Amino acid sequence: MPQAIVKPEELRKFCAHLKQFDSNLKEMSAKMNSHARQLATTWRDQEHQKFSEEFTQAMQPIQKLLEATEKYSQFLVRKAEAAEKYLQQK
């Protein structure tokens, strides 16, 4: 017999925290990218080119994490809705 072993309100609470984390990370990533572009206006040697490439590579996992948190948020909302629907039928 199917049962819901989850509290929808806890899923929604976690989802809210995840969305806040996502928002903060997006904001900080955008600021760091802006600072990196700004740095490029005053640092123009070969070391900067190397740094810029490494910085760009280092930021890629953050972008993947942001994409994943968006998917997780959507999943958790659907899960909470399904759990609520199930619990209301009982």
PDB file of N, CA and C in Angstrom:
ATOM      1  N   MET A   1       0.847  -1.185   0.000  1.00  0.00           N
ATOM      2  CA  MET A   1       0.000   0.000   0.000  1.00  0.00           C
ATOM      3  C   MET A   1       0.890   1.244   0.000  1.00  0.00           C
ATOM      4  N   PRO A   2       0.676   2.163  -0.945  1.00  0.00           N
ATOM      5  CA  PRO A   2       1.501   3.371  -0.989  1.00  0.00           C
ATOM      6  C   PRO A   2       1.257   4.258   0.223  1.00  0.00           C
ATOM      7  N   GLN A   3       2.302   4.938   0.626  1.00  0.00           N
ATOM      8  CA  GLN A   3       2.167   5.873   1.736  1.00  0.00           C
ATOM      9  C   GLN A   3       3.160   7.010   1.553  1.00  0.00           C
ATOM     10  N   ALA A   4       2.845   8.126   2.171  1.00  0.00           N
ATOM     11  CA  ALA A   4       3.730   9.295   2.102  1.00  0.00           C
ATOM     12  C   ALA A   4       4.557   9.336   3.377  1.00  0.00           C
ATOM     13  N   ILE A   5       5.850   9.157   3.240  1.00  0.00           N
ATOM     14  CA  ILE A   5       6.743   9.226   4.396  1.00  0.00           C
ATOM     15  C   ILE A   5       7.571  10.497   4.238  1.00  0.00           C
ATOM     16  N   VAL A   6       6.856  11.589   4.188  1.00  0.00           N
ATOM     17  CA  VAL A   6       7.492  12.895   4.038  1.00  0.00           C
ATOM     18  C   VAL A   6       6.491  13.954   4.501  1.00  0.00           C
ATOM     19  N   LYS A   7       7.010  15.009   5.054  1.00  0.00           N
ATOM     20  CA  LYS A   7       6.156  16.127   5.442  1.00  0.00           C
ATOM     21  C   LYS A   7       6.284  17.195   4.356  1.00  0.00           C
ATOM     22  N   PRO A   8       5.194  17.459   3.646  1.00  0.00           N
ATOM     23  CA  PRO A   8       5.259  18.443   2.562  1.00  0.00           C
ATOM     24  C   PRO A   8       5.808  19.796   3.013  1.00  0.00           C
ATOM     25  N   GLU A   9       5.456  20.207   4.226  1.00  0.00           N
ATOM     26  CA  GLU A   9       5.942  21.507   4.709  1.00  0.00           C
ATOM     27  C   GLU A   9       7.461  21.510   4.880  1.00  0.00           C
ATOM     28  N   GLU A  10       8.033  20.356   5.236  1.00  0.00           N
ATOM     29  CA  GLU A  10       9.495  20.268   5.364  1.00  0.00           C
ATOM     30  C   GLU A  10      10.166  20.311   3.993  1.00  0.00           C
ATOM     31  N   LEU A  11       9.533  19.683   3.006  1.00  0.00           N
ATOM     32  CA  LEU A  11      10.052  19.770   1.636  1.00  0.00           C
ATOM     33  C   LEU A  11      10.039  21.218   1.160  1.00  0.00           C
ATOM     34  N   ARG A  12       8.927  21.895   1.409  1.00  0.00           N
ATOM     35  CA  ARG A  12       8.816  23.298   0.985  1.00  0.00           C
ATOM     36  C   ARG A  12       9.820  24.185   1.726  1.00  0.00           C
ATOM     37  N   LYS A  13      10.024  23.899   2.997  1.00  0.00           N
ATOM     38  CA  LYS A  13      10.987  24.667   3.791  1.00  0.00           C
ATOM     39  C   LYS A  13      12.402  24.480   3.228  1.00  0.00           C
ATOM     40  N   PHE A  14      12.770  23.227   2.961  1.00  0.00           N
ATOM     41  CA  PHE A  14      14.087  22.961   2.388  1.00  0.00           C
ATOM     42  C   PHE A  14      14.209  23.611   1.017  1.00  0.00           C
ATOM     43  N   CYS A  15      13.143  23.530   0.234  1.00  0.00           N
ATOM     44  CA  CYS A  15      13.138  24.129  -1.096  1.00  0.00           C
ATOM     45  C   CYS A  15      13.362  25.643  -1.003  1.00  0.00           C
ATOM     46  N   ALA A  16      12.760  26.279  -0.036  1.00  0.00           N
ATOM     47  CA  ALA A  16      12.961  27.722   0.157  1.00  0.00           C
ATOM     48  C   ALA A  16      14.421  28.021   0.491  1.00  0.00           C
ATOM     49  N   HIS A  17      15.018  27.198   1.347  1.00  0.00           N
ATOM     50  CA  HIS A  17      16.440  27.376   1.678  1.00  0.00           C
ATOM     51  C   HIS A  17      17.310  27.149   0.440  1.00  0.00           C
ATOM     52  N   LEU A  18      16.960  26.149  -0.344  1.00  0.00           N
ATOM     53  CA  LEU A  18      17.721  25.845  -1.556  1.00  0.00           C
ATOM     54  C   LEU A  18      17.625  27.000  -2.556  1.00  0.00           C
ATOM     55  N   LYS A  19      16.435  27.557  -2.693  1.00  0.00           N
ATOM     56  CA  LYS A  19      16.260  28.696  -3.602  1.00  0.00           C
ATOM     57  C   LYS A  19      17.040  29.914  -3.114  1.00  0.00           C
ATOM     58  N   GLN A  20      17.077  30.125  -1.808  1.00  0.00           N
ATOM     59  CA  GLN A  20      17.847  31.245  -1.261  1.00  0.00           C
ATOM     60  C   GLN A  20      19.336  31.026  -1.507  1.00  0.00           C
ATOM     61  N   PHE A  21      19.797  29.807  -1.300  1.00  0.00           N
ATOM     62  CA  PHE A  21      21.189  29.454  -1.586  1.00  0.00           C
ATOM     63  C   PHE A  21      21.502  29.723  -3.051  1.00  0.00           C
ATOM     64  N   ASP A  22      20.613  29.275  -3.924  1.00  0.00           N
ATOM     65  CA  ASP A  22      20.771  29.467  -5.361  1.00  0.00           C
ATOM     66  C   ASP A  22      20.866  30.958  -5.701  1.00  0.00           C
ATOM     67  N   SER A  23      19.980  31.730  -5.132  1.00  0.00           N
ATOM     68  CA  SER A  23      19.968  33.171  -5.381  1.00  0.00           C
ATOM     69  C   SER A  23      21.262  33.832  -4.903  1.00  0.00           C
ATOM     70  N   ASN A  24      21.689  33.473  -3.702  1.00  0.00           N
ATOM     71  CA  ASN A  24      22.931  34.034  -3.158  1.00  0.00           C
ATOM     72  C   ASN A  24      24.133  33.651  -4.010  1.00  0.00           C
ATOM     73  N   LEU A  25      24.175  32.398  -4.425  1.00  0.00           N
ATOM     74  CA  LEU A  25      25.297  31.923  -5.231  1.00  0.00           C
ATOM     75  C   LEU A  25      25.318  32.603  -6.598  1.00  0.00           C
ATOM     76  N   LYS A  26      24.149  32.787  -7.202  1.00  0.00           N
ATOM     77  CA  LYS A  26      24.076  33.496  -8.484  1.00  0.00           C
ATOM     78  C   LYS A  26      24.587  34.924  -8.331  1.00  0.00           C
ATOM     79  N   GLU A  27      24.144  35.572  -7.271  1.00  0.00           N
ATOM     80  CA  GLU A  27      24.561  36.955  -7.028  1.00  0.00           C
ATOM     81  C   GLU A  27      26.073  37.050  -6.820  1.00  0.00           C
ATOM     82  N   MET A  28      26.607  36.173  -5.997  1.00  0.00           N
ATOM     83  CA  MET A  28      28.047  36.200  -5.728  1.00  0.00           C
ATOM     84  C   MET A  28      28.854  35.834  -6.974  1.00  0.00           C
ATOM     85  N   SER A  29      28.377  34.879  -7.747  1.00  0.00           N
ATOM     86  CA  SER A  29      29.067  34.490  -8.982  1.00  0.00           C
ATOM     87  C   SER A  29      29.091  35.655  -9.965  1.00  0.00           C
ATOM     88  N   ALA A  30      27.968  36.333 -10.087  1.00  0.00           N
ATOM     89  CA  ALA A  30      27.900  37.486 -10.989  1.00  0.00           C
ATOM     90  C   ALA A  30      28.861  38.582 -10.537  1.00  0.00           C
ATOM     91  N   LYS A  31      28.930  38.808  -9.234  1.00  0.00           N
ATOM     92  CA  LYS A  31      29.857  39.820  -8.707  1.00  0.00           C
ATOM     93  C   LYS A  31      31.305  39.430  -8.989  1.00  0.00           C
ATOM     94  N   MET A  32      31.634  38.164  -8.766  1.00  0.00           N
ATOM     95  CA  MET A  32      33.012  37.723  -9.009  1.00  0.00           C
ATOM     96  C   MET A  32      33.367  37.819 -10.483  1.00  0.00           C
ATOM     97  N   ASN A  33      32.443  37.457 -11.355  1.00  0.00           N
ATOM     98  CA  ASN A  33      32.697  37.582 -12.791  1.00  0.00           C
ATOM     99  C   ASN A  33      32.895  39.043 -13.180  1.00  0.00           C
ATOM    100  N   SER A  34      32.107  39.915 -12.591  1.00  0.00           N
ATOM    101  CA  SER A  34      32.249  41.345 -12.849  1.00  0.00           C
ATOM    102  C   SER A  34      33.608  41.853 -12.367  1.00  0.00           C
ATOM    103  N   HIS A  35      34.007  41.427 -11.177  1.00  0.00           N
ATOM    104  CA  HIS A  35      35.321  41.829 -10.646  1.00  0.00           C
ATOM    105  C   HIS A  35      36.447  41.292 -11.521  1.00  0.00           C
ATOM    106  N   ALA A  36      36.289  40.079 -12.019  1.00  0.00           N
ATOM    107  CA  ALA A  36      37.316  39.488 -12.886  1.00  0.00           C
ATOM    108  C   ALA A  36      37.431  40.273 -14.192  1.00  0.00           C
ATOM    109  N   ARG A  37      36.282  40.670 -14.754  1.00  0.00           N
ATOM    110  CA  ARG A  37      36.322  41.483 -15.982  1.00  0.00           C
ATOM    111  C   ARG A  37      36.964  42.837 -15.708  1.00  0.00           C
ATOM    112  N   GLN A  38      36.648  43.398 -14.562  1.00  0.00           N
ATOM    113  CA  GLN A  38      37.219  44.692 -14.182  1.00  0.00           C
ATOM    114  C   GLN A  38      38.734  44.568 -14.003  1.00  0.00           C
ATOM    115  N   LEU A  39      39.180  43.492 -13.401  1.00  0.00           N
ATOM    116  CA  LEU A  39      40.606  43.259 -13.207  1.00  0.00           C
ATOM    117  C   LEU A  39      41.332  43.196 -14.548  1.00  0.00           C
ATOM    118  N   ALA A  40      40.666  42.655 -15.539  1.00  0.00           N
ATOM    119  CA  ALA A  40      41.274  42.517 -16.869  1.00  0.00           C
ATOM    120  C   ALA A  40      41.613  43.868 -17.500  1.00  0.00           C
ATOM    121  N   THR A  41      40.995  44.932 -17.019  1.00  0.00           N
ATOM    122  CA  THR A  41      41.296  46.253 -17.585  1.00  0.00           C
ATOM    123  C   THR A  41      42.631  46.799 -17.099  1.00  0.00           C
ATOM    124  N   THR A  42      43.135  46.257 -15.997  1.00  0.00           N
ATOM    125  CA  THR A  42      44.403  46.761 -15.455  1.00  0.00           C
ATOM    126  C   THR A  42      45.502  45.711 -15.410  1.00  0.00           C
ATOM    127  N   TRP A  43      45.150  44.465 -15.625  1.00  0.00           N
ATOM    128  CA  TRP A  43      46.140  43.376 -15.602  1.00  0.00           C
ATOM    129  C   TRP A  43      46.128  42.725 -16.976  1.00  0.00           C
ATOM    130  N   ARG A  44      47.174  42.968 -17.758  1.00  0.00           N
ATOM    131  CA  ARG A  44      47.133  42.571 -19.162  1.00  0.00           C
ATOM    132  C   ARG A  44      48.284  41.674 -19.602  1.00  0.00           C
ATOM    133  N   ASP A  45      49.026  41.096 -18.705  1.00  0.00           N
ATOM    134  CA  ASP A  45      50.160  40.264 -19.130  1.00  0.00           C
ATOM    135  C   ASP A  45      49.738  38.802 -19.315  1.00  0.00           C
ATOM    136  N   GLN A  46      50.717  37.956 -19.619  1.00  0.00           N
ATOM    137  CA  GLN A  46      50.439  36.537 -19.861  1.00  0.00           C
ATOM    138  C   GLN A  46      49.897  35.839 -18.620  1.00  0.00           C
ATOM    139  N   GLU A  47      50.350  36.264 -17.475  1.00  0.00           N
ATOM    140  CA  GLU A  47      49.846  35.648 -16.238  1.00  0.00           C
ATOM    141  C   GLU A  47      48.354  35.902 -16.078  1.00  0.00           C
ATOM    142  N   HIS A  48      47.909  37.059 -16.520  1.00  0.00           N
ATOM    143  CA  HIS A  48      46.476  37.331 -16.440  1.00  0.00           C
ATOM    144  C   HIS A  48      45.700  36.383 -17.345  1.00  0.00           C
ATOM    145  N   GLN A  49      46.211  36.157 -18.533  1.00  0.00           N
ATOM    146  CA  GLN A  49      45.548  35.231 -19.459  1.00  0.00           C
ATOM    147  C   GLN A  49      45.407  33.855 -18.817  1.00  0.00           C
ATOM    148  N   LYS A  50      46.479  33.389 -18.202  1.00  0.00           N
ATOM    149  CA  LYS A  50      46.452  32.084 -17.524  1.00  0.00           C
ATOM    150  C   LYS A  50      45.445  32.102 -16.370  1.00  0.00           C
ATOM    151  N   PHE A  51      45.516  33.162 -15.571  1.00  0.00           N
ATOM    152  CA  PHE A  51      44.580  33.295 -14.453  1.00  0.00           C
ATOM    153  C   PHE A  51      43.135  33.299 -14.955  1.00  0.00           C
ATOM    154  N   SER A  52      42.879  34.068 -15.996  1.00  0.00           N
ATOM    155  CA  SER A  52      41.527  34.195 -16.529  1.00  0.00           C
ATOM    156  C   SER A  52      40.979  32.847 -16.992  1.00  0.00           C
ATOM    157  N   GLU A  53      41.803  32.081 -17.670  1.00  0.00           N
ATOM    158  CA  GLU A  53      41.378  30.753 -18.127  1.00  0.00           C
ATOM    159  C   GLU A  53      41.097  29.829 -16.949  1.00  0.00           C
ATOM    160  N   GLU A  54      41.972  29.853 -15.953  1.00  0.00           N
ATOM    161  CA  GLU A  54      41.772  28.997 -14.775  1.00  0.00           C
ATOM    162  C   GLU A  54      40.546  29.438 -13.978  1.00  0.00           C
ATOM    163  N   PHE A  55      40.348  30.739 -13.874  1.00  0.00           N
ATOM    164  CA  PHE A  55      39.189  31.260 -13.155  1.00  0.00           C
ATOM    165  C   PHE A  55      37.899  30.820 -13.849  1.00  0.00           C
ATOM    166  N   THR A  56      37.887  30.930 -15.172  1.00  0.00           N
ATOM    167  CA  THR A  56      36.712  30.512 -15.942  1.00  0.00           C
ATOM    168  C   THR A  56      36.429  29.027 -15.726  1.00  0.00           C
ATOM    169  N   GLN A  57      37.461  28.218 -15.745  1.00  0.00           N
ATOM    170  CA  GLN A  57      37.288  26.777 -15.510  1.00  0.00           C
ATOM    171  C   GLN A  57      36.800  26.505 -14.087  1.00  0.00           C
ATOM    172  N   ALA A  58      37.314  27.259 -13.135  1.00  0.00           N
ATOM    173  CA  ALA A  58      36.911  27.060 -11.738  1.00  0.00           C
ATOM    174  C   ALA A  58      35.449  27.440 -11.516  1.00  0.00           C
ATOM    175  N   MET A  59      34.941  28.358 -12.304  1.00  0.00           N
ATOM    176  CA  MET A  59      33.556  28.800 -12.151  1.00  0.00           C
ATOM    177  C   MET A  59      32.558  27.830 -12.797  1.00  0.00           C
ATOM    178  N   GLN A  60      33.013  26.979 -13.686  1.00  0.00           N
ATOM    179  CA  GLN A  60      32.107  26.058 -14.380  1.00  0.00           C
ATOM    180  C   GLN A  60      31.355  25.115 -13.440  1.00  0.00           C
ATOM    181  N   PRO A  61      32.006  24.520 -12.447  1.00  0.00           N
ATOM    182  CA  PRO A  61      31.238  23.664 -11.525  1.00  0.00           C
ATOM    183  C   PRO A  61      30.167  24.438 -10.752  1.00  0.00           C
ATOM    184  N   ILE A  62      30.424  25.703 -10.508  1.00  0.00           N
ATOM    185  CA  ILE A  62      29.418  26.515  -9.819  1.00  0.00           C
ATOM    186  C   ILE A  62      28.188  26.656 -10.708  1.00  0.00           C
ATOM    187  N   GLN A  63      28.400  26.871 -11.991  1.00  0.00           N
ATOM    188  CA  GLN A  63      27.278  26.966 -12.927  1.00  0.00           C
ATOM    189  C   GLN A  63      26.503  25.645 -12.971  1.00  0.00           C
ATOM    190  N   LYS A  64      27.220  24.539 -12.966  1.00  0.00           N
ATOM    191  CA  LYS A  64      26.548  23.231 -12.961  1.00  0.00           C
ATOM    192  C   LYS A  64      25.747  23.039 -11.674  1.00  0.00           C
ATOM    193  N   LEU A  65      26.302  23.490 -10.559  1.00  0.00           N
ATOM    194  CA  LEU A  65      25.586  23.403  -9.287  1.00  0.00           C
ATOM    195  C   LEU A  65      24.311  24.235  -9.342  1.00  0.00           C
ATOM    196  N   LEU A  66      24.390  25.422  -9.910  1.00  0.00           N
ATOM    197  CA  LEU A  66      23.202  26.265 -10.034  1.00  0.00           C
ATOM    198  C   LEU A  66      22.130  25.592 -10.889  1.00  0.00           C
ATOM    199  N   GLU A  67      22.546  24.961 -11.953  1.00  0.00           N
ATOM    200  CA  GLU A  67      21.591  24.235 -12.799  1.00  0.00           C
ATOM    201  C   GLU A  67      20.955  23.083 -12.024  1.00  0.00           C
ATOM    202  N   ALA A  68      21.754  22.397 -11.244  1.00  0.00           N
ATOM    203  CA  ALA A  68      21.244  21.267 -10.456  1.00  0.00           C
ATOM    204  C   ALA A  68      20.285  21.739  -9.371  1.00  0.00           C
ATOM    205  N   THR A  69      20.605  22.831  -8.687  1.00  0.00           N
ATOM    206  CA  THR A  69      19.722  23.304  -7.619  1.00  0.00           C
ATOM    207  C   THR A  69      18.379  23.741  -8.186  1.00  0.00           C
ATOM    208  N   GLU A  70      18.373  24.269  -9.396  1.00  0.00           N
ATOM    209  CA  GLU A  70      17.112  24.642 -10.041  1.00  0.00           C
ATOM    210  C   GLU A  70      16.262  23.393 -10.285  1.00  0.00           C
ATOM    211  N   LYS A  71      16.885  22.348 -10.781  1.00  0.00           N
ATOM    212  CA  LYS A  71      16.162  21.089 -11.014  1.00  0.00           C
ATOM    213  C   LYS A  71      15.678  20.487  -9.696  1.00  0.00           C
ATOM    214  N   TYR A  72      16.532  20.521  -8.664  1.00  0.00           N
ATOM    215  CA  TYR A  72      16.141  19.979  -7.361  1.00  0.00           C
ATOM    216  C   TYR A  72      14.956  20.752  -6.798  1.00  0.00           C
ATOM    217  N   SER A  73      14.979  22.065  -6.944  1.00  0.00           N
ATOM    218  CA  SER A  73      13.876  22.887  -6.443  1.00  0.00           C
ATOM    219  C   SER A  73      12.567  22.496  -7.109  1.00  0.00           C
ATOM    220  N   GLN A  74      12.598  22.359  -8.417  1.00  0.00           N
ATOM    221  CA  GLN A  74      11.393  21.971  -9.155  1.00  0.00           C
ATOM    222  C   GLN A  74      10.914  20.591  -8.726  1.00  0.00           C
ATOM    223  N   PHE A  75      11.844  19.664  -8.554  1.00  0.00           N
ATOM    224  CA  PHE A  75      11.494  18.315  -8.109  1.00  0.00           C
ATOM    225  C   PHE A  75      10.842  18.350  -6.726  1.00  0.00           C
ATOM    226  N   LEU A  76      11.424  19.118  -5.813  1.00  0.00           N
ATOM    227  CA  LEU A  76      10.897  19.173  -4.450  1.00  0.00           C
ATOM    228  C   LEU A  76       9.502  19.785  -4.403  1.00  0.00           C
ATOM    229  N   VAL A  77       9.252  20.779  -5.229  1.00  0.00           N
ATOM    230  CA  VAL A  77       7.914  21.376  -5.290  1.00  0.00           C
ATOM    231  C   VAL A  77       6.906  20.328  -5.766  1.00  0.00           C
ATOM    232  N   ARG A  78       7.259  19.610  -6.816  1.00  0.00           N
ATOM    233  CA  ARG A  78       6.358  18.551  -7.322  1.00  0.00           C
ATOM    234  C   ARG A  78       6.142  17.469  -6.265  1.00  0.00           C
ATOM    235  N   LYS A  79       7.201  17.090  -5.578  1.00  0.00           N
ATOM    236  CA  LYS A  79       7.115  16.059  -4.536  1.00  0.00           C
ATOM    237  C   LYS A  79       6.204  16.525  -3.403  1.00  0.00           C
ATOM    238  N   ALA A  80       6.345  17.774  -2.986  1.00  0.00           N
ATOM    239  CA  ALA A  80       5.503  18.317  -1.916  1.00  0.00           C
ATOM    240  C   ALA A  80       4.041  18.346  -2.351  1.00  0.00           C
ATOM    241  N   GLU A  81       3.794  18.753  -3.589  1.00  0.00           N
ATOM    242  CA  GLU A  81       2.420  18.786  -4.101  1.00  0.00           C
ATOM    243  C   GLU A  81       1.814  17.389  -4.144  1.00  0.00           C
ATOM    244  N   ALA A  82       2.591  16.426  -4.603  1.00  0.00           N
ATOM    245  CA  ALA A  82       2.099  15.046  -4.668  1.00  0.00           C
ATOM    246  C   ALA A  82       1.831  14.501  -3.267  1.00  0.00           C
ATOM    247  N   ALA A  83       2.707  14.792  -2.332  1.00  0.00           N
ATOM    248  CA  ALA A  83       2.520  14.318  -0.955  1.00  0.00           C
ATOM    249  C   ALA A  83       1.285  14.954  -0.334  1.00  0.00           C
ATOM    250  N   GLU A  84       1.094  16.248  -0.562  1.00  0.00           N
ATOM    251  CA  GLU A  84      -0.093  16.921  -0.028  1.00  0.00           C
ATOM    252  C   GLU A  84      -1.367  16.320  -0.613  1.00  0.00           C
ATOM    253  N   LYS A  85      -1.351  16.090  -1.906  1.00  0.00           N
ATOM    254  CA  LYS A  85      -2.515  15.504  -2.570  1.00  0.00           C
ATOM    255  C   LYS A  85      -2.815  14.127  -1.986  1.00  0.00           C
ATOM    256  N   TYR A  86      -1.779  13.332  -1.807  1.00  0.00           N
ATOM    257  CA  TYR A  86      -1.952  11.994  -1.245  1.00  0.00           C
ATOM    258  C   TYR A  86      -2.498  12.074   0.183  1.00  0.00           C
ATOM    259  N   LEU A  87      -1.927  12.948   0.992  1.00  0.00           N
ATOM    260  CA  LEU A  87      -2.345  13.056   2.391  1.00  0.00           C
ATOM    261  C   LEU A  87      -3.771  13.584   2.520  1.00  0.00           C
ATOM    262  N   GLN A  88      -4.218  14.404   1.590  1.00  0.00           N
ATOM    263  CA  GLN A  88      -5.587  14.922   1.624  1.00  0.00           C
ATOM    264  C   GLN A  88      -6.607  13.841   1.275  1.00  0.00           C
ATOM    265  N   GLN A  89      -6.178  12.830   0.528  1.00  0.00           N
ATOM    266  CA  GLN A  89      -7.077  11.744   0.136  1.00  0.00           C
ATOM    267  C   GLN A  89      -7.306  10.765   1.277  1.00  0.00           C
ATOM    268  N   LYS A  90      -6.426  10.758   2.244  1.00  0.00           N
ATOM    269  CA  LYS A  90      -6.542   9.800   3.355  1.00  0.00           C
ATOM    270  C   LYS A  90      -7.687  10.146   4.257  1.00  0.00           C
TER     271      LYS A  90
END
